[in-house]
Protein backbone atom coordinates (compact mmCIF):
# COMPACT_ATOMS: atom_id res chain seq x y z
CA UNK A 1 0.29 -0.06 -0.24
CA UNK A 2 1.41 3.74 -0.71
CA UNK A 3 2.35 5.30 2.33
CA UNK A 4 1.21 8.84 2.47
CA UNK A 5 2.40 11.50 5.32
CA UNK A 6 0.87 14.63 5.86
CA UNK A 7 2.23 17.90 6.21
CA UNK A 8 0.28 21.35 7.80
CA UNK A 9 2.33 24.39 8.52
CA UNK A 10 0.69 26.97 11.29
CA UNK A 11 1.41 30.53 12.17
CA UNK A 12 -0.86 31.70 14.79
CA UNK A 13 -4.16 29.99 13.71
CA UNK A 14 -4.25 27.25 15.78
CA UNK A 15 -8.11 26.85 15.56
CA UNK A 16 -7.94 26.33 11.95
CA UNK A 17 -5.17 23.74 12.41
CA UNK A 18 -7.23 21.62 14.85
CA UNK A 19 -10.51 21.85 12.39
CA UNK A 20 -8.03 20.80 9.22
CA UNK A 21 -6.29 17.63 11.19
CA UNK A 22 -9.63 16.44 12.67
CA UNK A 23 -11.23 16.54 9.25
CA UNK A 24 -8.21 14.42 8.25
CA UNK A 25 -8.52 12.14 11.21
CA UNK A 26 -13.02 11.81 10.46
CA UNK A 27 -11.64 10.37 6.87
CA UNK A 28 -10.35 7.31 8.20
CA UNK A 29 -7.67 6.89 5.61
CA UNK A 30 -4.53 5.17 7.17
CA UNK A 31 -2.57 7.84 7.06
CA UNK A 32 1.35 6.97 8.10
CA UNK A 33 1.77 10.07 10.00
CA UNK A 34 1.09 13.52 10.00
CA UNK A 35 3.72 16.42 11.00
CA UNK A 36 2.24 20.23 12.14
CA UNK A 37 5.14 22.42 11.94
CA UNK A 38 4.51 25.45 14.19
CA UNK A 39 6.21 28.54 12.28
CA UNK A 40 7.37 30.20 15.32
CA UNK A 41 3.53 31.46 16.30
CA UNK A 42 4.05 34.58 18.47
CA UNK A 43 1.18 33.29 20.76
CA UNK A 44 0.26 29.83 22.46
CA UNK A 45 0.02 27.67 19.28
CA UNK A 46 2.56 25.34 19.71
CA UNK A 47 1.75 24.59 23.58
CA UNK A 48 -2.13 24.22 22.39
CA UNK A 49 -1.32 22.00 19.51
CA UNK A 50 0.77 19.77 21.02
CA UNK A 51 -1.36 19.34 23.91
CA UNK A 52 -4.42 18.57 21.53
CA UNK A 53 -2.81 15.82 19.84
CA UNK A 54 -0.26 14.35 22.59
CA UNK A 55 -1.96 11.33 22.66
CA UNK A 56 -1.73 10.39 19.19
CA UNK A 57 1.59 8.33 17.98
CA UNK A 58 1.34 9.38 14.32
CA UNK A 59 0.84 13.05 14.72
CA UNK A 60 4.13 15.07 15.72
CA UNK A 61 3.63 19.01 16.51
CA UNK A 62 7.14 20.64 16.07
CA UNK A 63 8.12 24.29 16.33
CA UNK A 64 10.79 26.17 14.43
CA UNK A 65 13.33 28.38 15.68
CA UNK A 66 11.93 31.16 13.47
CA UNK A 67 9.33 32.02 10.95
CA UNK A 68 10.97 30.39 8.17
CA UNK A 69 7.59 31.14 5.63
CA UNK A 70 5.81 28.65 3.52
CA UNK A 71 8.64 26.77 1.47
CA UNK A 72 11.21 26.46 4.22
CA UNK A 73 8.60 25.78 7.39
CA UNK A 74 7.05 22.79 4.95
CA UNK A 75 10.20 21.68 4.06
CA UNK A 76 10.85 21.02 8.03
CA UNK A 77 7.73 18.89 8.05
CA UNK A 78 8.79 17.07 4.65
CA UNK A 79 11.67 15.89 6.48
CA UNK A 80 10.20 14.81 9.47
CA UNK A 81 7.41 12.68 7.96
CA UNK A 82 9.52 11.28 5.58
CA UNK A 83 12.66 10.20 7.93
CA UNK A 84 10.10 9.17 10.97
CA UNK A 85 7.13 7.30 8.86
CA UNK A 86 8.81 6.58 5.82
CA UNK A 87 6.30 8.14 3.63
CA UNK A 88 6.51 7.36 -0.02
CA UNK A 89 3.89 10.34 -0.64
CA UNK A 90 3.74 13.35 1.09
CA UNK A 91 0.77 15.62 1.08
CA UNK A 92 1.14 19.30 2.39
CA UNK A 93 -1.90 21.24 2.95
CA UNK A 94 -2.52 24.93 4.23
CA UNK A 95 -4.34 24.95 7.58
CA UNK A 96 -7.10 26.72 6.65
CA UNK A 97 -8.33 23.82 4.69
CA UNK A 98 -10.77 21.09 5.65
CA UNK A 99 -11.67 17.88 3.88
CA UNK A 100 -15.34 16.98 3.02
CA UNK A 101 -14.51 14.46 0.53
CA UNK A 102 -13.61 10.64 2.01
CA UNK A 103 -12.04 9.50 -0.63
CA UNK A 104 -10.26 12.11 -1.31
CA UNK A 105 -6.88 10.87 -0.87
CA UNK A 106 -7.82 7.66 -2.66
CA UNK A 107 -8.79 9.55 -5.79
CA UNK A 108 -5.49 11.55 -5.82
CA UNK A 109 -3.51 8.41 -5.44
CA UNK A 110 -5.26 6.31 -7.92
CA UNK A 111 -3.84 9.18 -10.52
CA UNK A 112 -0.07 8.56 -9.95
CA UNK A 113 1.66 6.91 -12.39
CA UNK A 114 5.85 6.87 -13.02
CA UNK A 115 6.91 10.18 -14.44
CA UNK A 116 4.21 12.53 -12.16
CA UNK A 117 5.89 14.56 -9.72
CA UNK A 118 2.84 16.42 -8.28
CA UNK A 119 -0.67 16.03 -7.79
CA UNK A 120 -3.38 18.67 -7.01
CA UNK A 121 -7.21 19.02 -7.18
CA UNK A 122 -10.01 21.36 -7.27
CA UNK A 123 -10.32 24.02 -4.32
CA UNK A 124 -13.70 24.92 -3.11
CA UNK A 125 -13.55 28.78 -1.74
CA UNK A 126 -17.13 28.52 -1.32
CA UNK A 127 -20.42 27.51 -2.31
CA UNK A 128 -20.44 28.71 -5.46
CA UNK A 129 -16.77 29.28 -6.63
CA UNK A 130 -14.78 26.19 -7.53
CA UNK A 131 -11.40 27.21 -8.18
CA UNK A 132 -9.28 25.01 -10.76
CA UNK A 133 -5.57 25.40 -11.95
CA UNK A 134 -4.14 28.82 -12.08
CA UNK A 135 -3.42 30.14 -15.32
CA UNK A 136 -0.04 31.51 -15.48
CA UNK A 137 2.44 33.31 -18.13
CA UNK A 138 5.70 31.27 -18.20
CA UNK A 139 7.09 33.66 -20.62
CA UNK A 140 10.51 35.64 -19.43
CA UNK A 141 9.21 38.68 -21.12
CA UNK A 142 5.97 38.68 -18.88
CA UNK A 143 7.79 37.67 -15.69
CA UNK A 144 10.40 40.89 -15.72
CA UNK A 145 7.32 42.94 -16.75
CA UNK A 146 6.03 42.03 -13.47
CA UNK A 147 8.64 42.29 -11.39
CA UNK A 148 9.06 45.94 -12.91
CA UNK A 149 5.14 46.32 -11.39
CA UNK A 150 6.11 44.82 -7.92
CA UNK A 151 8.98 47.05 -7.61
CA UNK A 152 7.41 50.11 -8.59
CA UNK A 153 4.40 49.47 -6.36
CA UNK A 154 7.02 48.86 -3.34
CA UNK A 155 8.44 52.33 -3.94
CA UNK A 156 4.79 53.91 -4.71
CA UNK A 157 5.33 54.82 -7.83
CA UNK A 158 2.02 55.02 -9.65
CA UNK A 159 3.97 54.92 -13.08
CA UNK A 160 3.44 51.39 -12.92
CA UNK A 161 -0.67 52.02 -13.59
CA UNK A 162 0.31 52.88 -17.48
CA UNK A 163 2.31 50.04 -18.32
CA UNK A 164 0.45 47.33 -20.80
CA UNK A 165 1.70 43.96 -20.62
CA UNK A 166 1.54 41.71 -23.86
CA UNK A 167 -0.21 38.29 -23.34
CA UNK A 168 0.86 35.44 -25.91
CA UNK A 169 -1.68 32.65 -25.56
CA UNK A 170 1.14 30.47 -26.35
CA UNK A 171 2.95 31.04 -22.86
CA UNK A 172 -0.21 30.52 -20.80
CA UNK A 173 0.41 27.50 -18.91
CA UNK A 174 -1.89 25.38 -16.18
CA UNK A 175 -0.41 25.05 -12.83
CA UNK A 176 -1.45 23.57 -9.48
CA UNK A 177 -2.89 25.48 -6.26
CA UNK A 178 -0.25 25.40 -3.33
CA UNK A 179 -2.59 24.93 -0.60
CA UNK A 180 -3.16 21.19 -1.38
CA UNK A 181 -0.22 19.49 -2.75
CA UNK A 182 0.45 15.76 -3.28
CA UNK A 183 4.23 15.11 -3.97
CA UNK A 184 5.10 11.93 -5.60
CA UNK A 185 8.13 9.35 -4.87
CA UNK A 186 9.13 10.46 -8.55
CA UNK A 187 9.50 14.26 -7.15
CA UNK A 188 12.03 12.71 -4.13
CA UNK A 189 14.04 11.43 -6.81
CA UNK A 190 15.34 14.59 -7.25
CA UNK A 191 14.35 17.44 -4.57
CA UNK A 192 13.86 16.80 -0.79
CA UNK A 193 11.05 19.52 -0.73
CA UNK A 194 10.17 23.13 -1.84
CA UNK A 195 12.68 25.63 -3.51
CA UNK A 196 13.46 27.18 0.18
CA UNK A 197 14.53 30.89 -1.00
CA UNK A 198 11.32 32.39 -1.32
CA UNK A 199 8.99 33.37 1.93
CA UNK A 200 5.30 33.69 0.75
CA UNK A 201 4.01 33.59 -2.48
CA UNK A 202 5.22 32.33 -5.79
CA UNK A 203 5.76 28.79 -4.99
CA UNK A 204 3.55 27.17 -7.30
CA UNK A 205 5.23 28.63 -11.04
CA UNK A 206 8.97 27.29 -9.74
CA UNK A 207 7.03 24.11 -8.61
CA UNK A 208 6.14 23.59 -12.16
CA UNK A 209 9.42 24.95 -13.30
CA UNK A 210 11.40 22.15 -10.84
CA UNK A 211 9.14 19.32 -12.21
CA UNK A 212 9.93 20.45 -15.85
CA UNK A 213 13.48 20.47 -15.37
CA UNK A 214 13.29 16.77 -14.93
CA UNK A 215 10.55 16.01 -17.33
CA UNK A 216 8.06 15.31 -14.32
CA UNK A 217 4.03 15.88 -14.71
CA UNK A 218 1.56 17.55 -12.67
CA UNK A 219 -1.76 16.05 -12.54
CA UNK A 220 -4.79 17.80 -11.93
CA UNK A 221 -7.68 16.13 -10.39
CA UNK A 222 -10.80 17.48 -11.08
CA UNK A 223 -13.70 15.21 -9.57
CA UNK A 224 -13.03 15.87 -6.10
CA UNK A 225 -11.91 18.96 -4.23
CA UNK A 226 -10.47 20.44 -0.81
CA UNK A 227 -12.13 23.38 0.99
CA UNK A 228 -10.09 26.36 1.71
CA UNK A 229 -10.88 29.37 3.94
CA UNK A 230 -8.22 31.04 2.35
CA UNK A 231 -5.64 33.42 3.67
CA UNK A 232 -6.49 32.92 7.30
CA UNK A 233 -2.93 33.05 8.74
CA UNK A 234 -1.90 36.04 6.53
CA UNK A 235 -5.06 37.83 7.87
CA UNK A 236 -3.89 37.09 11.60
CA UNK A 237 -0.31 37.90 10.79
CA UNK A 238 -0.42 41.23 8.49
CA UNK A 239 -4.33 41.38 7.90
CA UNK A 240 -3.59 40.73 4.40
CA UNK A 241 -2.33 44.31 3.68
CA UNK A 242 -1.97 44.56 0.14
CA UNK A 243 1.33 46.42 0.73
CA UNK A 244 2.65 43.50 2.26
CA UNK A 245 1.43 41.12 -0.04
CA UNK A 246 3.17 42.99 -2.95
CA UNK A 247 6.43 42.82 -1.05
CA UNK A 248 6.42 39.59 -0.19
CA UNK A 249 5.25 38.32 -3.62
CA UNK A 250 7.98 40.92 -5.55
CA UNK A 251 10.66 39.86 -3.44
CA UNK A 252 9.70 35.85 -4.26
CA UNK A 253 9.18 36.73 -7.78
CA UNK A 254 12.41 37.33 -8.92
CA UNK A 255 13.38 34.02 -7.97
CA UNK A 256 10.52 32.71 -10.77
CA UNK A 257 12.51 34.64 -13.05
CA UNK A 258 15.83 33.07 -11.99
CA UNK A 259 13.73 29.21 -12.56
CA UNK A 260 12.65 30.48 -16.07
CA UNK A 261 16.26 31.63 -17.06
CA UNK A 262 17.99 28.27 -15.78
CA UNK A 263 14.93 26.53 -17.76
CA UNK A 264 15.68 28.36 -20.97
CA UNK A 265 19.44 27.93 -20.65
CA UNK A 266 18.68 24.20 -19.76
CA UNK A 267 16.64 23.97 -23.25
CA UNK A 268 19.36 25.15 -24.90
CA UNK A 269 22.01 22.85 -23.88
CA UNK A 270 19.73 19.88 -24.67
CA UNK A 271 18.97 21.31 -28.40
CA UNK A 272 22.77 21.34 -28.82
CA UNK A 273 24.04 18.00 -27.45
CA UNK A 274 20.95 16.63 -29.77
């Protein structure tokens, strides 16, 4: 049987984390283990979560020694769940999510085949809105343009409003939503976790490019979903302030550009070698 481990990152928002974990337990799926990483919350999150799950042998609660953000924080949990519970598949999920489909994991795992690196599902934001794959322009020009926008916004320069992007349909790709991702054994042949230079945002396009480098597919499972309350921890942390979001996104976006440049160089080298 496929060994599945789960990683949940908590920051401040322990109530949602408890609801998320309990919804997993209520599914009855034989998970090898769950690792909750408290990202150095400045409240009693770690103590409360540690006490909540003290009687569970397959649930580990750890506290990071600083707030590492999304990628590094989740990587702590990924390392622990693979080493301690020997998980072949690792499901990384936001703490402000609730599992509503009892066969959610069965459906994701049944879609795995060799060559697939990451599997994701639809995301339910409310009763009337199902969020599918993210549409992303993978071209270097578009991403340089976006980085300039983020830069000008951080500098409070309104000139960004007059910049008009050029979008070509051939550059648009579908990428999986980062709030619920199943990392497969194929992914772990090449990587130990997420690219850890980002703090918040832009992890999805980088993950796509990580997979592309090793010809790994990303699989979208459309006939199941997870409920996502969306941005609860960031609301508690910085009230979803658009200036803060822009700052974090802009700082992370330069790494998207870096990965696009690496991809272009890698493709050129492959072309020359052939």
